[in-house]
Amino acid sequence: MGEAHVRTLDDPPAAPPAVGEHTESPADKGRVARLRTPRTPRLWFEILLIAVSYWTYSVIRNAVPEQKAQALRNADWIWRAEHGLGIAVEHTVNHAVNSVTWLIVSMNYYYATLHFIVTIGVLVWLYRWHPGRYAAARLALFATTGVALVGYYFYPLAPPRLMPDGGFVDTLIEHGTWGSMASGNLASMSNQYAAMPSMHIGWSLWCGITIALLAKPLWARVLGLLYPATTLTVIVSTANHFWLDALGGVLCLAFGYALARAWYGRLPHRLARYVMVAEPLKA
């Protein structure tokens, strides 16, 4: 009975274990193995990590040379490519929604605020009610955001609203949006030519997938799925992104989930909800 207790399919012992021998616990593993084992998140560490990570992301994103001329050339290429694919409807959507003042103003504030509010809210929800899945989900989000910096550096892209001959309405300027980093004096503090990939899509899709897979109420799962779809409508209606920018955000998120799965061995939603603390085996 003692042999059957310690023998595993992955690593069967060459000889029967000694009397009283214990299976290897996470504490006995190497440093990398311990890091790959889900642990209960520490609140002070998570707050510090998220704050420092977002600050670093913002500094790097805004430190990327704006390269306005190249960004505009890339925007022209994207616009021509979308025409070739038959999906260049951003101009029509932008003007149609802009004609409904209350709707476009709501979208302006949606774009400026929910990107942060919902993402932080989902992180808090995971931390509180799904601690065993939190670290893997957070890694997927962080990796998604980190790889986006590569796109900003190597492919500067102007949003449709900044194309001088595009005919798009800059709804943020047209109607005014308090607190938006894309209009007014705050525009000089943010790189306006970092539209590819769209992290509004990357983050909202991460939120939507997380909620849809982990929430219990049906209404919550439905809202989770509607959130990225609504965000896609908003970024196009406000002329902040092309459709293809959204595709870039999806690809970044795919990379983020792939990295999280490679590190933890499973996708976040397939991990245990709570961190299981292994008890020492008795002889």
C-alpha atoms as a PDB file:
ATOM      1  CA  MET A   1       0.000   0.000   0.000  1.00  0.00           C
ATOM      2  CA  GLY A   2       2.899   2.311   0.748  1.00  0.00           C
ATOM      3  CA  GLU A   3       4.320   1.795  -2.736  1.00  0.00           C
ATOM      4  CA  ALA A   4       1.049   2.602  -4.454  1.00  0.00           C
ATOM      5  CA  HIS A   5       0.770   5.781  -2.442  1.00  0.00           C
ATOM      6  CA  VAL A   6       4.002   7.350  -3.713  1.00  0.00           C
ATOM      7  CA  ARG A   7       4.233   5.893  -7.203  1.00  0.00           C
ATOM      8  CA  THR A   8       3.076   8.167 -10.081  1.00  0.00           C
ATOM      9  CA  LEU A   9       2.456   7.471 -13.748  1.00  0.00           C
ATOM     10  CA  ASP A  10       4.813  10.210 -14.844  1.00  0.00           C
ATOM     11  CA  ASP A  11       7.770   9.098 -12.757  1.00  0.00           C
ATOM     12  CA  PRO A  12       7.475   5.558 -11.437  1.00  0.00           C
ATOM     13  CA  PRO A  13      10.108   4.743  -8.828  1.00  0.00           C
ATOM     14  CA  ALA A  14      12.836   2.365  -9.869  1.00  0.00           C
ATOM     15  CA  ALA A  15      12.647   0.663  -6.489  1.00  0.00           C
ATOM     16  CA  PRO A  16      10.165   0.570  -3.626  1.00  0.00           C
ATOM     17  CA  PRO A  17      10.421   3.709  -1.461  1.00  0.00           C
ATOM     18  CA  ALA A  18      11.961   3.526   1.944  1.00  0.00           C
ATOM     19  CA  VAL A  19       9.669   3.210   4.921  1.00  0.00           C
ATOM     20  CA  GLY A  20       8.318   6.612   5.908  1.00  0.00           C
ATOM     21  CA  GLU A  21       9.376   8.305   2.649  1.00  0.00           C
ATOM     22  CA  HIS A  22       7.244  11.302   1.652  1.00  0.00           C
ATOM     23  CA  THR A  23       6.240  12.533  -1.799  1.00  0.00           C
ATOM     24  CA  GLU A  24       7.950  15.687  -2.923  1.00  0.00           C
ATOM     25  CA  SER A  25       6.065  18.805  -1.851  1.00  0.00           C
ATOM     26  CA  PRO A  26       6.111  22.145  -3.724  1.00  0.00           C
ATOM     27  CA  ALA A  27       8.525  23.508  -1.127  1.00  0.00           C
ATOM     28  CA  ASP A  28      11.031  20.793  -2.114  1.00  0.00           C
ATOM     29  CA  LYS A  29      10.944  21.659  -5.774  1.00  0.00           C
ATOM     30  CA  GLY A  30      13.225  24.074  -7.559  1.00  0.00           C
ATOM     31  CA  ARG A  31      12.628  27.802  -7.593  1.00  0.00           C
ATOM     32  CA  VAL A  32      11.052  27.797 -11.059  1.00  0.00           C
ATOM     33  CA  ALA A  33       8.697  24.975 -10.125  1.00  0.00           C
ATOM     34  CA  ARG A  34       7.568  26.907  -7.045  1.00  0.00           C
ATOM     35  CA  LEU A  35       6.936  30.016  -9.114  1.00  0.00           C
ATOM     36  CA  ARG A  36       4.795  27.983 -11.508  1.00  0.00           C
ATOM     37  CA  THR A  37       2.635  26.675  -8.687  1.00  0.00           C
ATOM     38  CA  PRO A  38      -0.489  28.844  -8.075  1.00  0.00           C
ATOM     39  CA  ARG A  39      -0.287  30.559  -4.708  1.00  0.00           C
ATOM     40  CA  THR A  40      -2.593  32.738  -2.682  1.00  0.00           C
ATOM     41  CA  PRO A  41      -2.018  36.307  -3.946  1.00  0.00           C
ATOM     42  CA  ARG A  42      -0.806  38.923  -1.463  1.00  0.00           C
ATOM     43  CA  LEU A  43      -2.801  42.142  -1.578  1.00  0.00           C
ATOM     44  CA  TRP A  44       0.059  44.588  -0.962  1.00  0.00           C
ATOM     45  CA  PHE A  45       2.218  42.872  -3.585  1.00  0.00           C
ATOM     46  CA  GLU A  46      -0.551  42.867  -6.204  1.00  0.00           C
ATOM     47  CA  ILE A  47      -1.339  46.552  -5.711  1.00  0.00           C
ATOM     48  CA  LEU A  48       2.331  47.433  -6.002  1.00  0.00           C
ATOM     49  CA  LEU A  49       2.854  45.150  -9.003  1.00  0.00           C
ATOM     50  CA  ILE A  50      -0.112  46.511 -10.935  1.00  0.00           C
ATOM     51  CA  ALA A  51       0.813  50.133 -10.178  1.00  0.00           C
ATOM     52  CA  VAL A  52       4.461  49.698 -11.159  1.00  0.00           C
ATOM     53  CA  SER A  53       3.588  47.626 -14.241  1.00  0.00           C
ATOM     54  CA  TYR A  54       1.081  50.150 -15.567  1.00  0.00           C
ATOM     55  CA  TRP A  55       3.476  53.019 -14.871  1.00  0.00           C
ATOM     56  CA  THR A  56       6.227  51.172 -16.753  1.00  0.00           C
ATOM     57  CA  TYR A  57       3.881  50.397 -19.638  1.00  0.00           C
ATOM     58  CA  SER A  58       2.807  54.041 -19.895  1.00  0.00           C
ATOM     59  CA  VAL A  59       6.389  55.316 -19.786  1.00  0.00           C
ATOM     60  CA  ILE A  60       7.550  52.922 -22.502  1.00  0.00           C
ATOM     61  CA  ARG A  61       4.471  53.493 -24.676  1.00  0.00           C
ATOM     62  CA  ASN A  62       4.818  57.232 -24.502  1.00  0.00           C
ATOM     63  CA  ALA A  63       8.603  57.084 -24.915  1.00  0.00           C
ATOM     64  CA  VAL A  64       8.217  55.380 -28.303  1.00  0.00           C
ATOM     65  CA  PRO A  65       8.989  57.986 -30.991  1.00  0.00           C
ATOM     66  CA  GLU A  66       5.701  59.207 -32.388  1.00  0.00           C
ATOM     67  CA  GLN A  67       6.952  59.029 -36.015  1.00  0.00           C
ATOM     68  CA  LYS A  68       3.966  60.973 -37.287  1.00  0.00           C
ATOM     69  CA  ALA A  69       4.829  60.709 -40.979  1.00  0.00           C
ATOM     70  CA  GLN A  70       5.281  56.934 -40.827  1.00  0.00           C
ATOM     71  CA  ALA A  71       2.156  56.569 -38.687  1.00  0.00           C
ATOM     72  CA  LEU A  72       0.086  58.396 -41.288  1.00  0.00           C
ATOM     73  CA  ARG A  73       1.543  56.311 -44.123  1.00  0.00           C
ATOM     74  CA  ASN A  74       0.671  53.164 -42.211  1.00  0.00           C
ATOM     75  CA  ALA A  75      -2.851  54.468 -41.620  1.00  0.00           C
ATOM     76  CA  ASP A  76      -3.269  55.045 -45.370  1.00  0.00           C
ATOM     77  CA  TRP A  77      -2.085  51.485 -46.016  1.00  0.00           C
ATOM     78  CA  ILE A  78      -4.495  50.046 -43.444  1.00  0.00           C
ATOM     79  CA  TRP A  79      -7.366  52.040 -44.917  1.00  0.00           C
ATOM     80  CA  ARG A  80      -6.570  50.841 -48.446  1.00  0.00           C
ATOM     81  CA  ALA A  81      -6.232  47.257 -47.221  1.00  0.00           C
ATOM     82  CA  GLU A  82      -9.634  47.410 -45.546  1.00  0.00           C
ATOM     83  CA  HIS A  83     -11.163  48.723 -48.751  1.00  0.00           C
ATOM     84  CA  GLY A  84      -9.620  45.801 -50.566  1.00  0.00           C
ATOM     85  CA  LEU A  85     -11.109  43.413 -48.003  1.00  0.00           C
ATOM     86  CA  GLY A  86     -14.498  45.112 -48.171  1.00  0.00           C
ATOM     87  CA  ILE A  87     -14.575  45.972 -44.458  1.00  0.00           C
ATOM     88  CA  ALA A  88     -13.847  49.701 -44.630  1.00  0.00           C
ATOM     89  CA  VAL A  89     -17.068  50.867 -42.973  1.00  0.00           C
ATOM     90  CA  GLU A  90     -15.448  52.919 -40.194  1.00  0.00           C
ATOM     91  CA  HIS A  91     -16.163  56.228 -41.963  1.00  0.00           C
ATOM     92  CA  THR A  92     -19.865  55.431 -42.357  1.00  0.00           C
ATOM     93  CA  VAL A  93     -20.214  54.237 -38.749  1.00  0.00           C
ATOM     94  CA  ASN A  94     -18.299  57.244 -37.421  1.00  0.00           C
ATOM     95  CA  HIS A  95     -20.560  59.777 -39.149  1.00  0.00           C
ATOM     96  CA  ALA A  96     -23.786  57.909 -38.407  1.00  0.00           C
ATOM     97  CA  VAL A  97     -23.146  57.638 -34.662  1.00  0.00           C
ATOM     98  CA  ASN A  98     -21.747  61.162 -34.466  1.00  0.00           C
ATOM     99  CA  SER A  99     -25.122  62.492 -35.645  1.00  0.00           C
ATOM    100  CA  VAL A 100     -26.699  61.262 -32.382  1.00  0.00           C
ATOM    101  CA  THR A 101     -25.156  63.571 -29.804  1.00  0.00           C
ATOM    102  CA  TRP A 102     -26.142  61.769 -26.597  1.00  0.00           C
ATOM    103  CA  LEU A 103     -24.914  58.459 -28.029  1.00  0.00           C
ATOM    104  CA  ILE A 104     -21.531  59.649 -29.239  1.00  0.00           C
ATOM    105  CA  VAL A 105     -20.865  61.615 -26.038  1.00  0.00           C
ATOM    106  CA  SER A 106     -21.651  58.481 -24.030  1.00  0.00           C
ATOM    107  CA  MET A 107     -19.241  56.537 -26.219  1.00  0.00           C
ATOM    108  CA  ASN A 108     -16.535  59.154 -25.702  1.00  0.00           C
ATOM    109  CA  TYR A 109     -16.737  58.712 -21.942  1.00  0.00           C
ATOM    110  CA  TYR A 110     -17.032  54.953 -22.309  1.00  0.00           C
ATOM    111  CA  TYR A 111     -13.763  54.985 -24.270  1.00  0.00           C
ATOM    112  CA  ALA A 112     -12.033  57.231 -21.757  1.00  0.00           C
ATOM    113  CA  THR A 113     -13.076  55.469 -18.543  1.00  0.00           C
ATOM    114  CA  LEU A 114     -14.360  51.882 -18.727  1.00  0.00           C
ATOM    115  CA  HIS A 115     -11.090  50.653 -20.218  1.00  0.00           C
ATOM    116  CA  PHE A 116      -9.556  51.070 -16.761  1.00  0.00           C
ATOM    117  CA  ILE A 117     -12.569  50.673 -14.464  1.00  0.00           C
ATOM    118  CA  VAL A 118     -13.772  47.320 -15.783  1.00  0.00           C
ATOM    119  CA  THR A 119     -10.286  45.824 -16.047  1.00  0.00           C
ATOM    120  CA  ILE A 120      -9.425  46.745 -12.459  1.00  0.00           C
ATOM    121  CA  GLY A 121     -12.842  45.517 -11.346  1.00  0.00           C
ATOM    122  CA  VAL A 122     -12.266  42.095 -12.924  1.00  0.00           C
ATOM    123  CA  LEU A 123      -8.825  41.859 -11.320  1.00  0.00           C
ATOM    124  CA  VAL A 124     -10.353  42.602  -7.906  1.00  0.00           C
ATOM    125  CA  TRP A 125     -13.108  40.050  -8.519  1.00  0.00           C
ATOM    126  CA  LEU A 126     -10.565  37.384  -9.449  1.00  0.00           C
ATOM    127  CA  TYR A 127      -8.417  38.208  -6.438  1.00  0.00           C
ATOM    128  CA  ARG A 128     -11.337  37.929  -4.064  1.00  0.00           C
ATOM    129  CA  TRP A 129     -13.347  35.017  -5.463  1.00  0.00           C
ATOM    130  CA  HIS A 130     -10.920  33.099  -7.701  1.00  0.00           C
ATOM    131  CA  PRO A 131      -7.517  33.371  -5.996  1.00  0.00           C
ATOM    132  CA  GLY A 132      -6.267  30.113  -7.482  1.00  0.00           C
ATOM    133  CA  ARG A 133      -6.805  31.454 -11.003  1.00  0.00           C
ATOM    134  CA  TYR A 134      -5.778  35.030 -10.330  1.00  0.00           C
ATOM    135  CA  ALA A 135      -2.031  34.777 -11.044  1.00  0.00           C
ATOM    136  CA  ALA A 136      -2.493  32.957 -14.355  1.00  0.00           C
ATOM    137  CA  ALA A 137      -5.185  35.389 -15.519  1.00  0.00           C
ATOM    138  CA  ARG A 138      -3.046  38.337 -14.459  1.00  0.00           C
ATOM    139  CA  LEU A 139      -0.075  36.909 -16.374  1.00  0.00           C
ATOM    140  CA  ALA A 140      -2.206  36.621 -19.513  1.00  0.00           C
ATOM    141  CA  LEU A 141      -3.251  40.279 -19.163  1.00  0.00           C
ATOM    142  CA  PHE A 142       0.276  41.498 -18.466  1.00  0.00           C
ATOM    143  CA  ALA A 143       1.752  39.521 -21.363  1.00  0.00           C
ATOM    144  CA  THR A 144      -0.939  40.890 -23.677  1.00  0.00           C
ATOM    145  CA  THR A 145      -0.071  44.434 -22.657  1.00  0.00           C
ATOM    146  CA  GLY A 146       3.669  43.849 -22.841  1.00  0.00           C
ATOM    147  CA  VAL A 147       3.684  42.435 -26.360  1.00  0.00           C
ATOM    148  CA  ALA A 148       1.553  45.382 -27.498  1.00  0.00           C
ATOM    149  CA  LEU A 149       4.569  47.612 -26.857  1.00  0.00           C
ATOM    150  CA  VAL A 150       6.373  45.782 -29.649  1.00  0.00           C
ATOM    151  CA  GLY A 151       3.612  46.789 -32.039  1.00  0.00           C
ATOM    152  CA  TYR A 152       3.724  50.416 -30.922  1.00  0.00           C
ATOM    153  CA  TYR A 153       7.464  50.571 -31.524  1.00  0.00           C
ATOM    154  CA  PHE A 154       7.692  48.772 -34.860  1.00  0.00           C
ATOM    155  CA  TYR A 155       4.385  49.809 -36.388  1.00  0.00           C
ATOM    156  CA  PRO A 156       3.381  53.375 -35.483  1.00  0.00           C
ATOM    157  CA  LEU A 157      -0.166  53.970 -36.625  1.00  0.00           C
ATOM    158  CA  ALA A 158      -2.371  57.040 -36.652  1.00  0.00           C
ATOM    159  CA  PRO A 159      -5.984  56.522 -35.584  1.00  0.00           C
ATOM    160  CA  PRO A 160      -8.610  57.338 -38.238  1.00  0.00           C
ATOM    161  CA  ARG A 161      -9.544  60.595 -36.498  1.00  0.00           C
ATOM    162  CA  LEU A 162      -6.034  61.969 -37.072  1.00  0.00           C
ATOM    163  CA  MET A 163      -5.903  61.210 -40.803  1.00  0.00           C
ATOM    164  CA  PRO A 164      -5.931  64.675 -42.420  1.00  0.00           C
ATOM    165  CA  ASP A 165      -7.636  63.483 -45.617  1.00  0.00           C
ATOM    166  CA  GLY A 166      -9.683  60.660 -44.143  1.00  0.00           C
ATOM    167  CA  GLY A 167     -12.844  62.648 -43.591  1.00  0.00           C
ATOM    168  CA  PHE A 168     -13.374  61.201 -40.113  1.00  0.00           C
ATOM    169  CA  VAL A 169     -14.937  63.177 -37.273  1.00  0.00           C
ATOM    170  CA  ASP A 170     -12.743  63.463 -34.190  1.00  0.00           C
ATOM    171  CA  THR A 171     -15.613  62.979 -31.788  1.00  0.00           C
ATOM    172  CA  LEU A 172     -13.440  63.702 -28.743  1.00  0.00           C
ATOM    173  CA  ILE A 173     -12.689  67.173 -30.076  1.00  0.00           C
ATOM    174  CA  GLU A 174     -16.088  67.711 -31.677  1.00  0.00           C
ATOM    175  CA  HIS A 175     -18.024  67.121 -28.463  1.00  0.00           C
ATOM    176  CA  GLY A 176     -15.349  67.439 -25.807  1.00  0.00           C
ATOM    177  CA  THR A 177     -14.491  64.681 -23.378  1.00  0.00           C
ATOM    178  CA  TRP A 178     -13.223  65.598 -19.957  1.00  0.00           C
ATOM    179  CA  GLY A 179     -10.283  63.508 -18.840  1.00  0.00           C
ATOM    180  CA  SER A 180      -9.559  61.870 -22.187  1.00  0.00           C
ATOM    181  CA  MET A 181      -5.869  61.303 -22.906  1.00  0.00           C
ATOM    182  CA  ALA A 182      -6.637  61.745 -26.587  1.00  0.00           C
ATOM    183  CA  SER A 183      -7.907  65.325 -26.512  1.00  0.00           C
ATOM    184  CA  GLY A 184      -7.127  68.732 -25.085  1.00  0.00           C
ATOM    185  CA  ASN A 185      -3.964  69.396 -23.090  1.00  0.00           C
ATOM    186  CA  LEU A 186      -3.719  65.745 -22.018  1.00  0.00           C
ATOM    187  CA  ALA A 187      -3.108  64.686 -25.619  1.00  0.00           C
ATOM    188  CA  SER A 188       0.488  65.870 -25.373  1.00  0.00           C
ATOM    189  CA  MET A 189       1.033  63.414 -22.491  1.00  0.00           C
ATOM    190  CA  SER A 190       0.059  60.338 -24.506  1.00  0.00           C
ATOM    191  CA  ASN A 191       1.454  58.884 -27.722  1.00  0.00           C
ATOM    192  CA  GLN A 192      -1.307  59.553 -30.242  1.00  0.00           C
ATOM    193  CA  TYR A 193       0.253  57.313 -32.883  1.00  0.00           C
ATOM    194  CA  ALA A 194       0.150  54.009 -30.988  1.00  0.00           C
ATOM    195  CA  ALA A 195      -3.122  52.628 -32.346  1.00  0.00           C
ATOM    196  CA  MET A 196      -1.886  49.176 -33.404  1.00  0.00           C
ATOM    197  CA  PRO A 197      -2.713  46.931 -31.596  1.00  0.00           C
ATOM    198  CA  SER A 198      -5.808  48.141 -29.770  1.00  0.00           C
ATOM    199  CA  MET A 199      -5.495  47.460 -26.061  1.00  0.00           C
ATOM    200  CA  HIS A 200      -9.083  48.584 -25.626  1.00  0.00           C
ATOM    201  CA  ILE A 201      -9.918  45.357 -27.442  1.00  0.00           C
ATOM    202  CA  GLY A 202      -7.157  43.317 -25.811  1.00  0.00           C
ATOM    203  CA  TRP A 203      -8.213  44.291 -22.291  1.00  0.00           C
ATOM    204  CA  SER A 204     -11.980  44.200 -22.887  1.00  0.00           C
ATOM    205  CA  LEU A 205     -11.762  40.767 -24.501  1.00  0.00           C
ATOM    206  CA  TRP A 206      -9.693  39.521 -21.550  1.00  0.00           C
ATOM    207  CA  CYS A 207     -12.397  40.850 -19.211  1.00  0.00           C
ATOM    208  CA  GLY A 208     -15.187  39.371 -21.310  1.00  0.00           C
ATOM    209  CA  ILE A 209     -13.628  35.915 -21.575  1.00  0.00           C
ATOM    210  CA  THR A 210     -12.811  35.849 -17.870  1.00  0.00           C
ATOM    211  CA  ILE A 211     -16.354  36.791 -16.847  1.00  0.00           C
ATOM    212  CA  ALA A 212     -18.027  34.503 -19.392  1.00  0.00           C
ATOM    213  CA  LEU A 213     -16.002  31.471 -18.264  1.00  0.00           C
ATOM    214  CA  LEU A 214     -16.012  32.016 -14.511  1.00  0.00           C
ATOM    215  CA  ALA A 215     -19.171  33.907 -13.552  1.00  0.00           C
ATOM    216  CA  LYS A 216     -22.161  31.816 -12.427  1.00  0.00           C
ATOM    217  CA  PRO A 217     -25.196  34.041 -13.189  1.00  0.00           C
ATOM    218  CA  LEU A 218     -26.276  33.899 -16.819  1.00  0.00           C
ATOM    219  CA  TRP A 219     -26.777  37.655 -16.937  1.00  0.00           C
ATOM    220  CA  ALA A 220     -23.158  38.191 -15.866  1.00  0.00           C
ATOM    221  CA  ARG A 221     -21.859  35.859 -18.572  1.00  0.00           C
ATOM    222  CA  VAL A 222     -23.967  37.645 -21.178  1.00  0.00           C
ATOM    223  CA  LEU A 223     -22.655  41.036 -20.052  1.00  0.00           C
ATOM    224  CA  GLY A 224     -19.146  39.632 -20.205  1.00  0.00           C
ATOM    225  CA  LEU A 225     -19.608  38.703 -23.850  1.00  0.00           C
ATOM    226  CA  LEU A 226     -21.302  42.008 -24.685  1.00  0.00           C
ATOM    227  CA  TYR A 227     -18.508  44.100 -23.183  1.00  0.00           C
ATOM    228  CA  PRO A 228     -15.818  43.493 -25.859  1.00  0.00           C
ATOM    229  CA  ALA A 229     -18.458  43.656 -28.613  1.00  0.00           C
ATOM    230  CA  THR A 230     -19.603  47.046 -27.316  1.00  0.00           C
ATOM    231  CA  THR A 231     -16.006  48.205 -26.986  1.00  0.00           C
ATOM    232  CA  LEU A 232     -15.372  47.300 -30.629  1.00  0.00           C
ATOM    233  CA  THR A 233     -18.373  49.406 -31.653  1.00  0.00           C
ATOM    234  CA  VAL A 234     -17.110  52.302 -29.531  1.00  0.00           C
ATOM    235  CA  ILE A 235     -13.535  52.374 -30.833  1.00  0.00           C
ATOM    236  CA  VAL A 236     -14.786  52.393 -34.417  1.00  0.00           C
ATOM    237  CA  SER A 237     -17.594  54.919 -33.850  1.00  0.00           C
ATOM    238  CA  THR A 238     -15.236  57.382 -32.152  1.00  0.00           C
ATOM    239  CA  ALA A 239     -12.647  56.919 -34.949  1.00  0.00           C
ATOM    240  CA  ASN A 240      -9.988  55.875 -32.471  1.00  0.00           C
ATOM    241  CA  HIS A 241      -9.208  52.592 -34.239  1.00  0.00           C
ATOM    242  CA  PHE A 242      -9.560  50.636 -37.449  1.00  0.00           C
ATOM    243  CA  TRP A 243     -11.066  47.154 -37.506  1.00  0.00           C
ATOM    244  CA  LEU A 244      -7.582  45.740 -38.060  1.00  0.00           C
ATOM    245  CA  ASP A 245      -6.330  47.410 -34.868  1.00  0.00           C
ATOM    246  CA  ALA A 246      -8.865  45.254 -33.052  1.00  0.00           C
ATOM    247  CA  LEU A 247      -7.479  42.153 -34.753  1.00  0.00           C
ATOM    248  CA  GLY A 248      -4.048  43.150 -33.475  1.00  0.00           C
ATOM    249  CA  GLY A 249      -5.456  43.282 -29.943  1.00  0.00           C
ATOM    250  CA  VAL A 250      -6.941  39.799 -30.341  1.00  0.00           C
ATOM    251  CA  LEU A 251      -3.574  38.403 -31.479  1.00  0.00           C
ATOM    252  CA  CYS A 252      -1.837  39.988 -28.477  1.00  0.00           C
ATOM    253  CA  LEU A 253      -4.387  38.392 -26.154  1.00  0.00           C
ATOM    254  CA  ALA A 254      -3.831  35.015 -27.817  1.00  0.00           C
ATOM    255  CA  PHE A 255      -0.122  35.392 -27.056  1.00  0.00           C
ATOM    256  CA  GLY A 256      -0.945  36.292 -23.454  1.00  0.00           C
ATOM    257  CA  TYR A 257      -3.086  33.202 -22.938  1.00  0.00           C
ATOM    258  CA  ALA A 258      -0.503  30.994 -24.645  1.00  0.00           C
ATOM    259  CA  LEU A 259       2.181  32.236 -22.265  1.00  0.00           C
ATOM    260  CA  ALA A 260      -0.058  31.738 -19.220  1.00  0.00           C
ATOM    261  CA  ARG A 261      -0.852  28.188 -20.310  1.00  0.00           C
ATOM    262  CA  ALA A 262       2.812  27.393 -20.953  1.00  0.00           C
ATOM    263  CA  TRP A 263       3.793  28.715 -17.516  1.00  0.00           C
ATOM    264  CA  TYR A 264       1.004  27.223 -15.396  1.00  0.00           C
ATOM    265  CA  GLY A 265       0.273  24.163 -17.527  1.00  0.00           C
ATOM    266  CA  ARG A 266      -3.381  25.122 -17.975  1.00  0.00           C
ATOM    267  CA  LEU A 267      -5.460  28.065 -19.059  1.00  0.00           C
ATOM    268  CA  PRO A 268      -6.547  30.247 -16.112  1.00  0.00           C
ATOM    269  CA  HIS A 269     -10.159  29.056 -16.026  1.00  0.00           C
ATOM    270  CA  ARG A 270      -9.041  25.404 -15.840  1.00  0.00           C
ATOM    271  CA  LEU A 271      -7.029  25.915 -12.680  1.00  0.00           C
ATOM    272  CA  ALA A 272      -8.559  25.283  -9.251  1.00  0.00           C
ATOM    273  CA  ARG A 273     -10.652  28.152  -7.944  1.00  0.00           C
ATOM    274  CA  TYR A 274      -8.849  28.145  -4.612  1.00  0.00           C
ATOM    275  CA  VAL A 275      -5.210  27.425  -3.866  1.00  0.00           C
ATOM    276  CA  MET A 276      -4.930  23.981  -2.379  1.00  0.00           C
ATOM    277  CA  VAL A 277      -2.460  23.697   0.484  1.00  0.00           C
ATOM    278  CA  ALA A 278      -0.828  20.276   0.451  1.00  0.00           C
ATOM    279  CA  GLU A 279      -0.705  18.543   3.815  1.00  0.00           C
ATOM    280  CA  PRO A 280       2.385  16.506   4.678  1.00  0.00           C
ATOM    281  CA  LEU A 281       1.881  12.805   4.188  1.00  0.00           C
ATOM    282  CA  LYS A 282       1.864  10.531   7.159  1.00  0.00           C
ATOM    283  CA  ALA A 283       4.225   7.600   7.350  1.00  0.00           C
END
